[in-house]
C-alpha atoms as a PDB file:
ATOM      1  CA  UNK A   1     -28.497  29.729   7.214  1.00  0.00           C
ATOM      2  CA  UNK A   2     -27.496  32.760   5.290  1.00  0.00           C
ATOM      3  CA  UNK A   3     -24.211  33.080   3.556  1.00  0.00           C
ATOM      4  CA  UNK A   4     -21.549  34.995   5.313  1.00  0.00           C
ATOM      5  CA  UNK A   5     -20.222  37.051   2.432  1.00  0.00           C
ATOM      6  CA  UNK A   6     -17.637  38.857   4.447  1.00  0.00           C
ATOM      7  CA  UNK A   7     -16.015  35.422   5.310  1.00  0.00           C
ATOM      8  CA  UNK A   8     -16.408  34.381   1.583  1.00  0.00           C
ATOM      9  CA  UNK A   9     -14.828  37.616   0.430  1.00  0.00           C
ATOM     10  CA  UNK A  10     -12.085  37.273   2.967  1.00  0.00           C
ATOM     11  CA  UNK A  11     -11.386  33.555   1.946  1.00  0.00           C
ATOM     12  CA  UNK A  12     -11.494  34.744  -1.863  1.00  0.00           C
ATOM     13  CA  UNK A  13      -8.741  37.605  -1.139  1.00  0.00           C
ATOM     14  CA  UNK A  14      -6.502  34.996   0.684  1.00  0.00           C
ATOM     15  CA  UNK A  15      -6.454  33.041  -2.479  1.00  0.00           C
ATOM     16  CA  UNK A  16      -4.957  35.680  -4.574  1.00  0.00           C
ATOM     17  CA  UNK A  17      -1.348  35.584  -2.983  1.00  0.00           C
ATOM     18  CA  UNK A  18      -1.667  31.633  -3.736  1.00  0.00           C
ATOM     19  CA  UNK A  19      -2.449  32.138  -7.248  1.00  0.00           C
ATOM     20  CA  UNK A  20       0.577  34.459  -7.778  1.00  0.00           C
ATOM     21  CA  UNK A  21       2.815  31.977  -6.004  1.00  0.00           C
ATOM     22  CA  UNK A  22       1.439  29.159  -8.278  1.00  0.00           C
ATOM     23  CA  UNK A  23       2.306  31.243 -11.257  1.00  0.00           C
ATOM     24  CA  UNK A  24       5.888  31.604 -10.174  1.00  0.00           C
ATOM     25  CA  UNK A  25       6.216  27.949  -9.473  1.00  0.00           C
ATOM     26  CA  UNK A  26       4.445  26.692 -12.717  1.00  0.00           C
ATOM     27  CA  UNK A  27       6.703  29.104 -14.876  1.00  0.00           C
ATOM     28  CA  UNK A  28      10.054  28.089 -13.417  1.00  0.00           C
ATOM     29  CA  UNK A  29       9.070  24.401 -12.924  1.00  0.00           C
ATOM     30  CA  UNK A  30       8.256  24.186 -16.759  1.00  0.00           C
ATOM     31  CA  UNK A  31      11.709  25.811 -17.566  1.00  0.00           C
ATOM     32  CA  UNK A  32      13.507  22.990 -15.689  1.00  0.00           C
ATOM     33  CA  UNK A  33      12.224  20.609 -18.369  1.00  0.00           C
ATOM     34  CA  UNK A  34      15.461  19.613 -20.227  1.00  0.00           C
ATOM     35  CA  UNK A  35      15.817  20.258 -23.807  1.00  0.00           C
ATOM     36  CA  UNK A  36      15.329  23.185 -26.191  1.00  0.00           C
ATOM     37  CA  UNK A  37      11.801  23.808 -27.499  1.00  0.00           C
ATOM     38  CA  UNK A  38      13.348  25.275 -30.652  1.00  0.00           C
ATOM     39  CA  UNK A  39      15.196  22.127 -31.333  1.00  0.00           C
ATOM     40  CA  UNK A  40      12.024  20.184 -30.819  1.00  0.00           C
ATOM     41  CA  UNK A  41      10.198  22.408 -33.384  1.00  0.00           C
ATOM     42  CA  UNK A  42      13.087  22.251 -36.018  1.00  0.00           C
ATOM     43  CA  UNK A  43      14.306  18.552 -35.597  1.00  0.00           C
ATOM     44  CA  UNK A  44      17.565  16.963 -34.647  1.00  0.00           C
ATOM     45  CA  UNK A  45      19.177  17.915 -38.053  1.00  0.00           C
ATOM     46  CA  UNK A  46      18.825  21.712 -37.490  1.00  0.00           C
ATOM     47  CA  UNK A  47      21.813  24.127 -36.978  1.00  0.00           C
ATOM     48  CA  UNK A  48      22.756  26.127 -34.070  1.00  0.00           C
ATOM     49  CA  UNK A  49      22.038  29.252 -35.872  1.00  0.00           C
ATOM     50  CA  UNK A  50      18.604  28.175 -36.711  1.00  0.00           C
ATOM     51  CA  UNK A  51      17.805  27.283 -33.345  1.00  0.00           C
ATOM     52  CA  UNK A  52      19.085  30.695 -32.087  1.00  0.00           C
ATOM     53  CA  UNK A  53      16.842  32.473 -34.558  1.00  0.00           C
ATOM     54  CA  UNK A  54      13.791  30.541 -33.432  1.00  0.00           C
ATOM     55  CA  UNK A  55      14.574  31.063 -29.828  1.00  0.00           C
ATOM     56  CA  UNK A  56      14.902  35.036 -30.588  1.00  0.00           C
ATOM     57  CA  UNK A  57      11.616  34.991 -32.382  1.00  0.00           C
ATOM     58  CA  UNK A  58      10.024  33.156 -29.299  1.00  0.00           C
ATOM     59  CA  UNK A  59      11.708  35.325 -26.829  1.00  0.00           C
ATOM     60  CA  UNK A  60      13.415  32.386 -25.207  1.00  0.00           C
ATOM     61  CA  UNK A  61      16.762  34.304 -25.309  1.00  0.00           C
ATOM     62  CA  UNK A  62      15.491  36.718 -22.697  1.00  0.00           C
ATOM     63  CA  UNK A  63      16.169  36.470 -19.139  1.00  0.00           C
ATOM     64  CA  UNK A  64      13.814  34.276 -17.356  1.00  0.00           C
ATOM     65  CA  UNK A  65      12.441  36.959 -15.116  1.00  0.00           C
ATOM     66  CA  UNK A  66      11.583  39.011 -18.226  1.00  0.00           C
ATOM     67  CA  UNK A  67       9.827  35.892 -19.777  1.00  0.00           C
ATOM     68  CA  UNK A  68       7.973  35.362 -16.574  1.00  0.00           C
ATOM     69  CA  UNK A  69       6.555  38.971 -16.385  1.00  0.00           C
ATOM     70  CA  UNK A  70       5.662  38.743 -20.140  1.00  0.00           C
ATOM     71  CA  UNK A  71       3.912  35.519 -19.595  1.00  0.00           C
ATOM     72  CA  UNK A  72       2.044  36.662 -16.420  1.00  0.00           C
ATOM     73  CA  UNK A  73       0.816  39.851 -17.938  1.00  0.00           C
ATOM     74  CA  UNK A  74      -0.633  37.833 -20.837  1.00  0.00           C
ATOM     75  CA  UNK A  75      -2.333  35.187 -18.518  1.00  0.00           C
ATOM     76  CA  UNK A  76      -3.783  37.992 -16.363  1.00  0.00           C
ATOM     77  CA  UNK A  77      -5.845  39.118 -19.612  1.00  0.00           C
ATOM     78  CA  UNK A  78      -6.644  35.337 -20.382  1.00  0.00           C
ATOM     79  CA  UNK A  79      -3.832  34.939 -23.046  1.00  0.00           C
ATOM     80  CA  UNK A  80      -1.919  31.739 -22.431  1.00  0.00           C
ATOM     81  CA  UNK A  81      -0.064  32.144 -25.645  1.00  0.00           C
ATOM     82  CA  UNK A  82       0.213  29.937 -28.623  1.00  0.00           C
ATOM     83  CA  UNK A  83       1.370  26.254 -28.925  1.00  0.00           C
ATOM     84  CA  UNK A  84       4.928  25.930 -30.597  1.00  0.00           C
ATOM     85  CA  UNK A  85       3.915  22.705 -32.246  1.00  0.00           C
ATOM     86  CA  UNK A  86       0.232  23.187 -33.048  1.00  0.00           C
ATOM     87  CA  UNK A  87       0.233  27.044 -33.594  1.00  0.00           C
ATOM     88  CA  UNK A  88      -3.012  27.297 -31.843  1.00  0.00           C
ATOM     89  CA  UNK A  89      -4.132  29.433 -28.888  1.00  0.00           C
ATOM     90  CA  UNK A  90      -3.103  27.577 -25.734  1.00  0.00           C
ATOM     91  CA  UNK A  91      -6.268  28.652 -23.716  1.00  0.00           C
ATOM     92  CA  UNK A  92      -8.745  27.106 -26.352  1.00  0.00           C
ATOM     93  CA  UNK A  93      -6.574  23.979 -26.452  1.00  0.00           C
ATOM     94  CA  UNK A  94      -6.370  23.540 -22.711  1.00  0.00           C
ATOM     95  CA  UNK A  95      -9.941  24.391 -21.871  1.00  0.00           C
ATOM     96  CA  UNK A  96     -11.102  21.999 -24.550  1.00  0.00           C
ATOM     97  CA  UNK A  97      -8.978  19.302 -22.994  1.00  0.00           C
ATOM     98  CA  UNK A  98     -10.125  20.186 -19.476  1.00  0.00           C
ATOM     99  CA  UNK A  99     -13.846  19.833 -20.386  1.00  0.00           C
ATOM    100  CA  UNK A 100     -13.116  16.353 -21.337  1.00  0.00           C
ATOM    101  CA  UNK A 101     -11.345  15.568 -18.231  1.00  0.00           C
ATOM    102  CA  UNK A 102     -14.020  17.397 -16.210  1.00  0.00           C
ATOM    103  CA  UNK A 103     -16.586  14.691 -17.480  1.00  0.00           C
ATOM    104  CA  UNK A 104     -14.498  11.947 -15.619  1.00  0.00           C
ATOM    105  CA  UNK A 105     -14.211  14.140 -12.350  1.00  0.00           C
ATOM    106  CA  UNK A 106     -17.955  15.126 -12.420  1.00  0.00           C
ATOM    107  CA  UNK A 107     -19.231  11.591 -12.786  1.00  0.00           C
ATOM    108  CA  UNK A 108     -16.773  10.336 -10.211  1.00  0.00           C
ATOM    109  CA  UNK A 109     -18.031  12.989  -7.700  1.00  0.00           C
ATOM    110  CA  UNK A 110     -21.566  12.101  -8.335  1.00  0.00           C
ATOM    111  CA  UNK A 111     -21.036   8.338  -7.902  1.00  0.00           C
ATOM    112  CA  UNK A 112     -18.763   9.006  -4.791  1.00  0.00           C
ATOM    113  CA  UNK A 113     -21.682  11.131  -2.924  1.00  0.00           C
ATOM    114  CA  UNK A 114     -24.494   8.655  -3.889  1.00  0.00           C
ATOM    115  CA  UNK A 115     -22.611   5.687  -2.882  1.00  0.00           C
ATOM    116  CA  UNK A 116     -20.355   6.635   0.127  1.00  0.00           C
ATOM    117  CA  UNK A 117     -22.809   8.684   2.080  1.00  0.00           C
ATOM    118  CA  UNK A 118     -25.648   6.115   2.274  1.00  0.00           C
ATOM    119  CA  UNK A 119     -23.574   3.192   2.877  1.00  0.00           C
ATOM    120  CA  UNK A 120     -21.253   5.160   5.465  1.00  0.00           C
ATOM    121  CA  UNK A 121     -24.348   6.034   7.404  1.00  0.00           C
ATOM    122  CA  UNK A 122     -25.601   2.426   7.312  1.00  0.00           C
ATOM    123  CA  UNK A 123     -22.316   1.026   8.217  1.00  0.00           C
ATOM    124  CA  UNK A 124     -22.072   3.458  11.246  1.00  0.00           C
ATOM    125  CA  UNK A 125     -25.741   2.519  12.305  1.00  0.00           C
ATOM    126  CA  UNK A 126     -24.919  -1.202  11.955  1.00  0.00           C
ATOM    127  CA  UNK A 127     -21.411  -1.030  13.559  1.00  0.00           C
ATOM    128  CA  UNK A 128     -19.729  -4.517  14.224  1.00  0.00           C
ATOM    129  CA  UNK A 129     -22.417  -6.219  12.100  1.00  0.00           C
ATOM    130  CA  UNK A 130     -21.351  -8.479   9.162  1.00  0.00           C
ATOM    131  CA  UNK A 131     -22.543  -5.519   6.790  1.00  0.00           C
ATOM    132  CA  UNK A 132     -19.910  -3.254   8.589  1.00  0.00           C
ATOM    133  CA  UNK A 133     -17.066  -5.711   8.659  1.00  0.00           C
ATOM    134  CA  UNK A 134     -17.666  -6.040   4.940  1.00  0.00           C
ATOM    135  CA  UNK A 135     -17.661  -2.322   4.284  1.00  0.00           C
ATOM    136  CA  UNK A 136     -14.423  -2.085   6.332  1.00  0.00           C
ATOM    137  CA  UNK A 137     -12.910  -4.891   4.288  1.00  0.00           C
ATOM    138  CA  UNK A 138     -13.747  -3.567   1.024  1.00  0.00           C
ATOM    139  CA  UNK A 139     -12.922   0.058   1.600  1.00  0.00           C
ATOM    140  CA  UNK A 140      -9.484  -0.845   2.941  1.00  0.00           C
ATOM    141  CA  UNK A 141      -8.852  -2.774  -0.379  1.00  0.00           C
ATOM    142  CA  UNK A 142     -10.335   0.144  -2.360  1.00  0.00           C
ATOM    143  CA  UNK A 143      -8.063   2.704  -0.569  1.00  0.00           C
ATOM    144  CA  UNK A 144      -4.973   0.603  -1.475  1.00  0.00           C
ATOM    145  CA  UNK A 145      -5.920   0.407  -5.068  1.00  0.00           C
ATOM    146  CA  UNK A 146      -4.569   3.006  -7.048  1.00  0.00           C
ATOM    147  CA  UNK A 147      -6.412   4.384 -10.065  1.00  0.00           C
ATOM    148  CA  UNK A 148      -3.860   3.084 -12.550  1.00  0.00           C
ATOM    149  CA  UNK A 149      -4.148  -0.322 -11.151  1.00  0.00           C
ATOM    150  CA  UNK A 150      -7.995  -0.263 -10.727  1.00  0.00           C
ATOM    151  CA  UNK A 151      -7.922   0.780 -14.573  1.00  0.00           C
ATOM    152  CA  UNK A 152      -5.767  -1.897 -15.871  1.00  0.00           C
ATOM    153  CA  UNK A 153      -8.138  -4.560 -14.024  1.00  0.00           C
ATOM    154  CA  UNK A 154     -11.099  -3.170 -15.398  1.00  0.00           C
ATOM    155  CA  UNK A 155      -9.784  -2.542 -18.908  1.00  0.00           C
ATOM    156  CA  UNK A 156      -8.780  -6.205 -18.990  1.00  0.00           C
ATOM    157  CA  UNK A 157     -11.794  -7.703 -17.581  1.00  0.00           C
ATOM    158  CA  UNK A 158     -14.481  -5.733 -18.956  1.00  0.00           C
ATOM    159  CA  UNK A 159     -12.696  -4.289 -22.158  1.00  0.00           C
ATOM    160  CA  UNK A 160     -10.604  -7.206 -23.468  1.00  0.00           C
ATOM    161  CA  UNK A 161     -11.758 -10.436 -21.836  1.00  0.00           C
ATOM    162  CA  UNK A 162     -15.484  -9.950 -21.763  1.00  0.00           C
ATOM    163  CA  UNK A 163     -15.509  -7.155 -24.624  1.00  0.00           C
ATOM    164  CA  UNK A 164     -18.402  -5.369 -23.056  1.00  0.00           C
ATOM    165  CA  UNK A 165     -17.106  -1.843 -23.077  1.00  0.00           C
ATOM    166  CA  UNK A 166     -14.725   0.192 -25.227  1.00  0.00           C
ATOM    167  CA  UNK A 167     -11.243   0.716 -23.823  1.00  0.00           C
ATOM    168  CA  UNK A 168     -10.241   3.837 -25.464  1.00  0.00           C
ATOM    169  CA  UNK A 169     -11.491   7.042 -27.062  1.00  0.00           C
ATOM    170  CA  UNK A 170     -14.136   9.694 -26.241  1.00  0.00           C
ATOM    171  CA  UNK A 171     -17.475  10.448 -27.695  1.00  0.00           C
ATOM    172  CA  UNK A 172     -19.298  13.921 -26.913  1.00  0.00           C
ATOM    173  CA  UNK A 173     -22.473  13.349 -25.250  1.00  0.00           C
ATOM    174  CA  UNK A 174     -24.297  15.561 -27.836  1.00  0.00           C
ATOM    175  CA  UNK A 175     -23.127  13.119 -30.540  1.00  0.00           C
ATOM    176  CA  UNK A 176     -24.364   9.888 -29.099  1.00  0.00           C
ATOM    177  CA  UNK A 177     -25.383   9.801 -25.317  1.00  0.00           C
ATOM    178  CA  UNK A 178     -25.194   5.884 -25.295  1.00  0.00           C
ATOM    179  CA  UNK A 179     -21.668   5.866 -26.794  1.00  0.00           C
ATOM    180  CA  UNK A 180     -20.707   8.610 -24.531  1.00  0.00           C
ATOM    181  CA  UNK A 181     -21.526   6.575 -21.349  1.00  0.00           C
ATOM    182  CA  UNK A 182     -20.099   3.502 -22.680  1.00  0.00           C
ATOM    183  CA  UNK A 183     -16.777   5.140 -23.321  1.00  0.00           C
ATOM    184  CA  UNK A 184     -16.398   6.935 -20.107  1.00  0.00           C
ATOM    185  CA  UNK A 185     -17.591   3.920 -17.753  1.00  0.00           C
ATOM    186  CA  UNK A 186     -14.336   2.280 -17.225  1.00  0.00           C
ATOM    187  CA  UNK A 187     -12.237   5.420 -16.552  1.00  0.00           C
ATOM    188  CA  UNK A 188     -14.836   6.590 -14.136  1.00  0.00           C
ATOM    189  CA  UNK A 189     -14.934   3.251 -12.433  1.00  0.00           C
ATOM    190  CA  UNK A 190     -11.239   3.402 -11.906  1.00  0.00           C
ATOM    191  CA  UNK A 191     -11.438   6.750 -10.444  1.00  0.00           C
ATOM    192  CA  UNK A 192     -14.499   5.877  -8.277  1.00  0.00           C
ATOM    193  CA  UNK A 193     -13.083   2.900  -6.520  1.00  0.00           C
ATOM    194  CA  UNK A 194     -10.542   4.819  -4.339  1.00  0.00           C
ATOM    195  CA  UNK A 195     -12.607   7.914  -4.070  1.00  0.00           C
ATOM    196  CA  UNK A 196     -15.754   5.888  -2.758  1.00  0.00           C
ATOM    197  CA  UNK A 197     -13.535   4.018  -0.224  1.00  0.00           C
ATOM    198  CA  UNK A 198     -12.010   7.202   1.261  1.00  0.00           C
ATOM    199  CA  UNK A 199     -15.140   9.057   1.510  1.00  0.00           C
ATOM    200  CA  UNK A 200     -17.219   6.195   2.855  1.00  0.00           C
ATOM    201  CA  UNK A 201     -14.868   5.367   5.624  1.00  0.00           C
ATOM    202  CA  UNK A 202     -14.732   9.068   6.773  1.00  0.00           C
ATOM    203  CA  UNK A 203     -18.623   9.007   6.547  1.00  0.00           C
ATOM    204  CA  UNK A 204     -18.766   5.850   8.569  1.00  0.00           C
ATOM    205  CA  UNK A 205     -16.240   7.278  11.387  1.00  0.00           C
ATOM    206  CA  UNK A 206     -17.922  10.693  11.528  1.00  0.00           C
ATOM    207  CA  UNK A 207     -21.497   9.576  11.882  1.00  0.00           C
ATOM    208  CA  UNK A 208     -20.488   6.827  14.401  1.00  0.00           C
ATOM    209  CA  UNK A 209     -18.790   9.559  16.403  1.00  0.00           C
ATOM    210  CA  UNK A 210     -21.908  11.854  16.299  1.00  0.00           C
ATOM    211  CA  UNK A 211     -24.258   8.764  17.262  1.00  0.00           C
ATOM    212  CA  UNK A 212     -22.167   8.491  20.559  1.00  0.00           C
ATOM    213  CA  UNK A 213     -22.517  12.386  21.487  1.00  0.00           C
ATOM    214  CA  UNK A 214     -24.950  13.500  24.115  1.00  0.00           C
ATOM    215  CA  UNK A 215     -27.191  15.443  21.696  1.00  0.00           C
ATOM    216  CA  UNK A 216     -28.106  12.121  19.900  1.00  0.00           C
ATOM    217  CA  UNK A 217     -28.646  10.229  23.150  1.00  0.00           C
ATOM    218  CA  UNK A 218     -31.034  13.071  24.246  1.00  0.00           C
ATOM    219  CA  UNK A 219     -33.020  12.872  21.038  1.00  0.00           C
ATOM    220  CA  UNK A 220     -33.378   9.331  21.370  1.00  0.00           C
ATOM    221  CA  UNK A 221     -34.301   9.407  25.117  1.00  0.00           C
ATOM    222  CA  UNK A 222     -37.019  11.910  24.161  1.00  0.00           C
ATOM    223  CA  UNK A 223     -38.647   9.747  21.703  1.00  0.00           C
ATOM    224  CA  UNK A 224     -37.707  11.365  18.320  1.00  0.00           C
ATOM    225  CA  UNK A 225     -38.161   9.205  15.204  1.00  0.00           C
ATOM    226  CA  UNK A 226     -34.808   7.418  14.168  1.00  0.00           C
ATOM    227  CA  UNK A 227     -35.120   9.113  10.736  1.00  0.00           C
ATOM    228  CA  UNK A 228     -35.024  12.557  12.416  1.00  0.00           C
ATOM    229  CA  UNK A 229     -32.158  11.483  14.766  1.00  0.00           C
ATOM    230  CA  UNK A 230     -30.145  10.210  11.717  1.00  0.00           C
ATOM    231  CA  UNK A 231     -30.859  13.379   9.551  1.00  0.00           C
ATOM    232  CA  UNK A 232     -29.497  15.651  12.469  1.00  0.00           C
ATOM    233  CA  UNK A 233     -26.672  13.253  13.139  1.00  0.00           C
ATOM    234  CA  UNK A 234     -25.568  13.295   9.254  1.00  0.00           C
ATOM    235  CA  UNK A 235     -25.777  17.173   9.242  1.00  0.00           C
ATOM    236  CA  UNK A 236     -23.672  17.263  12.355  1.00  0.00           C
ATOM    237  CA  UNK A 237     -21.061  14.837  10.643  1.00  0.00           C
ATOM    238  CA  UNK A 238     -20.823  16.738   7.443  1.00  0.00           C
ATOM    239  CA  UNK A 239     -17.876  18.954   8.205  1.00  0.00           C
ATOM    240  CA  UNK A 240     -15.156  16.084   8.196  1.00  0.00           C
ATOM    241  CA  UNK A 241     -16.841  14.429   5.288  1.00  0.00           C
ATOM    242  CA  UNK A 242     -16.903  17.654   3.213  1.00  0.00           C
ATOM    243  CA  UNK A 243     -13.390  18.111   4.309  1.00  0.00           C
ATOM    244  CA  UNK A 244     -11.985  14.759   2.998  1.00  0.00           C
ATOM    245  CA  UNK A 245     -14.314  14.925  -0.056  1.00  0.00           C
ATOM    246  CA  UNK A 246     -12.928  18.325  -1.084  1.00  0.00           C
ATOM    247  CA  UNK A 247      -9.489  17.367  -0.657  1.00  0.00           C
ATOM    248  CA  UNK A 248     -10.122  14.207  -2.734  1.00  0.00           C
ATOM    249  CA  UNK A 249     -12.266  16.159  -5.346  1.00  0.00           C
ATOM    250  CA  UNK A 250      -9.089  18.187  -6.126  1.00  0.00           C
ATOM    251  CA  UNK A 251      -6.945  15.146  -6.403  1.00  0.00           C
ATOM    252  CA  UNK A 252      -9.309  13.372  -8.698  1.00  0.00           C
ATOM    253  CA  UNK A 253      -7.972  15.656 -11.533  1.00  0.00           C
ATOM    254  CA  UNK A 254      -4.446  14.043 -10.778  1.00  0.00           C
ATOM    255  CA  UNK A 255      -5.942  10.587 -11.120  1.00  0.00           C
ATOM    256  CA  UNK A 256      -7.858  11.506 -14.035  1.00  0.00           C
ATOM    257  CA  UNK A 257      -4.621  12.536 -15.728  1.00  0.00           C
ATOM    258  CA  UNK A 258      -3.191   9.153 -15.149  1.00  0.00           C
ATOM    259  CA  UNK A 259      -6.399   7.254 -16.219  1.00  0.00           C
ATOM    260  CA  UNK A 260      -6.651   9.264 -19.516  1.00  0.00           C
ATOM    261  CA  UNK A 261      -3.253   7.792 -20.533  1.00  0.00           C
ATOM    262  CA  UNK A 262      -4.525   4.246 -20.081  1.00  0.00           C
ATOM    263  CA  UNK A 263      -7.622   4.662 -22.015  1.00  0.00           C
ATOM    264  CA  UNK A 264      -6.476   7.191 -24.562  1.00  0.00           C
ATOM    265  CA  UNK A 265      -8.780   9.970 -23.697  1.00  0.00           C
ATOM    266  CA  UNK A 266      -7.831  13.332 -25.235  1.00  0.00           C
ATOM    267  CA  UNK A 267      -8.120  15.201 -21.851  1.00  0.00           C
ATOM    268  CA  UNK A 268      -5.815  17.519 -20.093  1.00  0.00           C
ATOM    269  CA  UNK A 269      -3.450  14.599 -19.171  1.00  0.00           C
ATOM    270  CA  UNK A 270      -2.802  13.761 -22.848  1.00  0.00           C
ATOM    271  CA  UNK A 271      -2.179  17.496 -23.409  1.00  0.00           C
ATOM    272  CA  UNK A 272       0.411  17.498 -20.454  1.00  0.00           C
ATOM    273  CA  UNK A 273       2.291  14.490 -21.390  1.00  0.00           C
ATOM    274  CA  UNK A 274       2.426  15.415 -25.199  1.00  0.00           C
ATOM    275  CA  UNK A 275       3.452  19.025 -24.308  1.00  0.00           C
ATOM    276  CA  UNK A 276       6.277  17.773 -22.217  1.00  0.00           C
ATOM    277  CA  UNK A 277       7.433  15.250 -24.684  1.00  0.00           C
ATOM    278  CA  UNK A 278       7.551  17.979 -27.434  1.00  0.00           C
ATOM    279  CA  UNK A 279       8.877  20.720 -25.180  1.00  0.00           C
ATOM    280  CA  UNK A 280       5.825  22.823 -25.989  1.00  0.00           C
ATOM    281  CA  UNK A 281       6.335  25.369 -23.061  1.00  0.00           C
ATOM    282  CA  UNK A 282       3.023  27.110 -23.532  1.00  0.00           C
ATOM    283  CA  UNK A 283       1.096  24.024 -23.531  1.00  0.00           C
ATOM    284  CA  UNK A 284       2.778  22.666 -20.324  1.00  0.00           C
ATOM    285  CA  UNK A 285       2.562  26.039 -18.464  1.00  0.00           C
ATOM    286  CA  UNK A 286      -1.104  26.580 -19.419  1.00  0.00           C
ATOM    287  CA  UNK A 287      -2.126  22.794 -18.372  1.00  0.00           C
ATOM    288  CA  UNK A 288      -0.158  23.020 -14.952  1.00  0.00           C
ATOM    289  CA  UNK A 289      -1.529  26.565 -14.403  1.00  0.00           C
ATOM    290  CA  UNK A 290      -5.131  25.055 -14.933  1.00  0.00           C
ATOM    291  CA  UNK A 291      -4.524  21.958 -12.667  1.00  0.00           C
ATOM    292  CA  UNK A 292      -3.135  24.256  -9.934  1.00  0.00           C
ATOM    293  CA  UNK A 293      -6.139  26.677 -10.180  1.00  0.00           C
ATOM    294  CA  UNK A 294      -8.504  23.780 -10.031  1.00  0.00           C
ATOM    295  CA  UNK A 295      -6.835  22.806  -6.585  1.00  0.00           C
ATOM    296  CA  UNK A 296      -7.161  26.397  -5.330  1.00  0.00           C
ATOM    297  CA  UNK A 297     -10.904  26.821  -6.416  1.00  0.00           C
ATOM    298  CA  UNK A 298     -11.853  23.541  -4.921  1.00  0.00           C
ATOM    299  CA  UNK A 299     -10.213  24.267  -1.665  1.00  0.00           C
ATOM    300  CA  UNK A 300     -11.925  27.672  -1.544  1.00  0.00           C
ATOM    301  CA  UNK A 301     -15.298  26.152  -2.311  1.00  0.00           C
ATOM    302  CA  UNK A 302     -14.854  23.481   0.292  1.00  0.00           C
ATOM    303  CA  UNK A 303     -13.873  26.082   2.842  1.00  0.00           C
ATOM    304  CA  UNK A 304     -16.976  28.084   2.203  1.00  0.00           C
ATOM    305  CA  UNK A 305     -19.284  24.884   2.384  1.00  0.00           C
ATOM    306  CA  UNK A 306     -17.683  23.959   5.628  1.00  0.00           C
ATOM    307  CA  UNK A 307     -18.143  27.363   7.139  1.00  0.00           C
ATOM    308  CA  UNK A 308     -21.871  27.161   5.738  1.00  0.00           C
ATOM    309  CA  UNK A 309     -22.515  24.086   8.011  1.00  0.00           C
ATOM    310  CA  UNK A 310     -20.281  25.073  10.775  1.00  0.00           C
ATOM    311  CA  UNK A 311     -20.080  28.964  11.272  1.00  0.00           C
ATOM    312  CA  UNK A 312     -17.802  28.440  14.376  1.00  0.00           C
ATOM    313  CA  UNK A 313     -14.834  28.246  11.960  1.00  0.00           C
ATOM    314  CA  UNK A 314     -15.091  31.822  10.929  1.00  0.00           C
ATOM    315  CA  UNK A 315     -13.526  33.245  13.968  1.00  0.00           C
ATOM    316  CA  UNK A 316     -13.328  37.152  14.218  1.00  0.00           C
ATOM    317  CA  UNK A 317     -13.577  38.865  10.830  1.00  0.00           C
END
């Protein structure tokens, strides 16, 4: 099926106002954080005169709307400013941290697809069997288990009591691939449990509903092989599965932010927490902006994939 480039362009253009609204929200939300960045830089024993001087140098004494448009004009050319505390380009810092977080999100997404789709189809095919009841029970428990709680359980069991896996730090794959997987296994497991549970339940429900439709009965009555029927049923069931996966794929980043703190991973979550604690406004703005843009991009890609499998949603151009 060919890609509808007009629809893709239309959805992309619709995302532009959303990005603008996000920049406004990010900027003014960050400025609601109590405390003075200048005081955080100079320490508690500084003088009001020194604080005023630093604020003037940083442009923090300007009206908020002036600060916003200065920041926005820099963002549009890829300049997120400099960290107050680290004196380094924010774009470089945030992108580096985001890539570490992306490792967690990527492997979580891969495991979610590899586990939830086959088990969801099998559970739908064997509905009301002991296997199906086990899937329903386990996914209910998984959905109810927050990433933080799952992380604490895995950390204590596999990291502390059994001492099988490290419980903190990150090793780049180019440095040592085995240590890389050993360090990210527990955080990825903590993220995968709720993710698999949600997508598996949706797959099971969607496939079961498709199996009851007339087209599936027609194929079966005409003697089509079961594997062919299941393949066509799965394709028909992909739209709701893609929708829930796309939504949860966006939220994986939020879960990763929490899990990173638990396992001391130097990802975007640590950047956000440290920046907020130190009143490092450029770091916080850059980090929140990247997280918000992640959600927008994932939603856009999900919409395009859904349109690819179900062109009926396009409507009139």
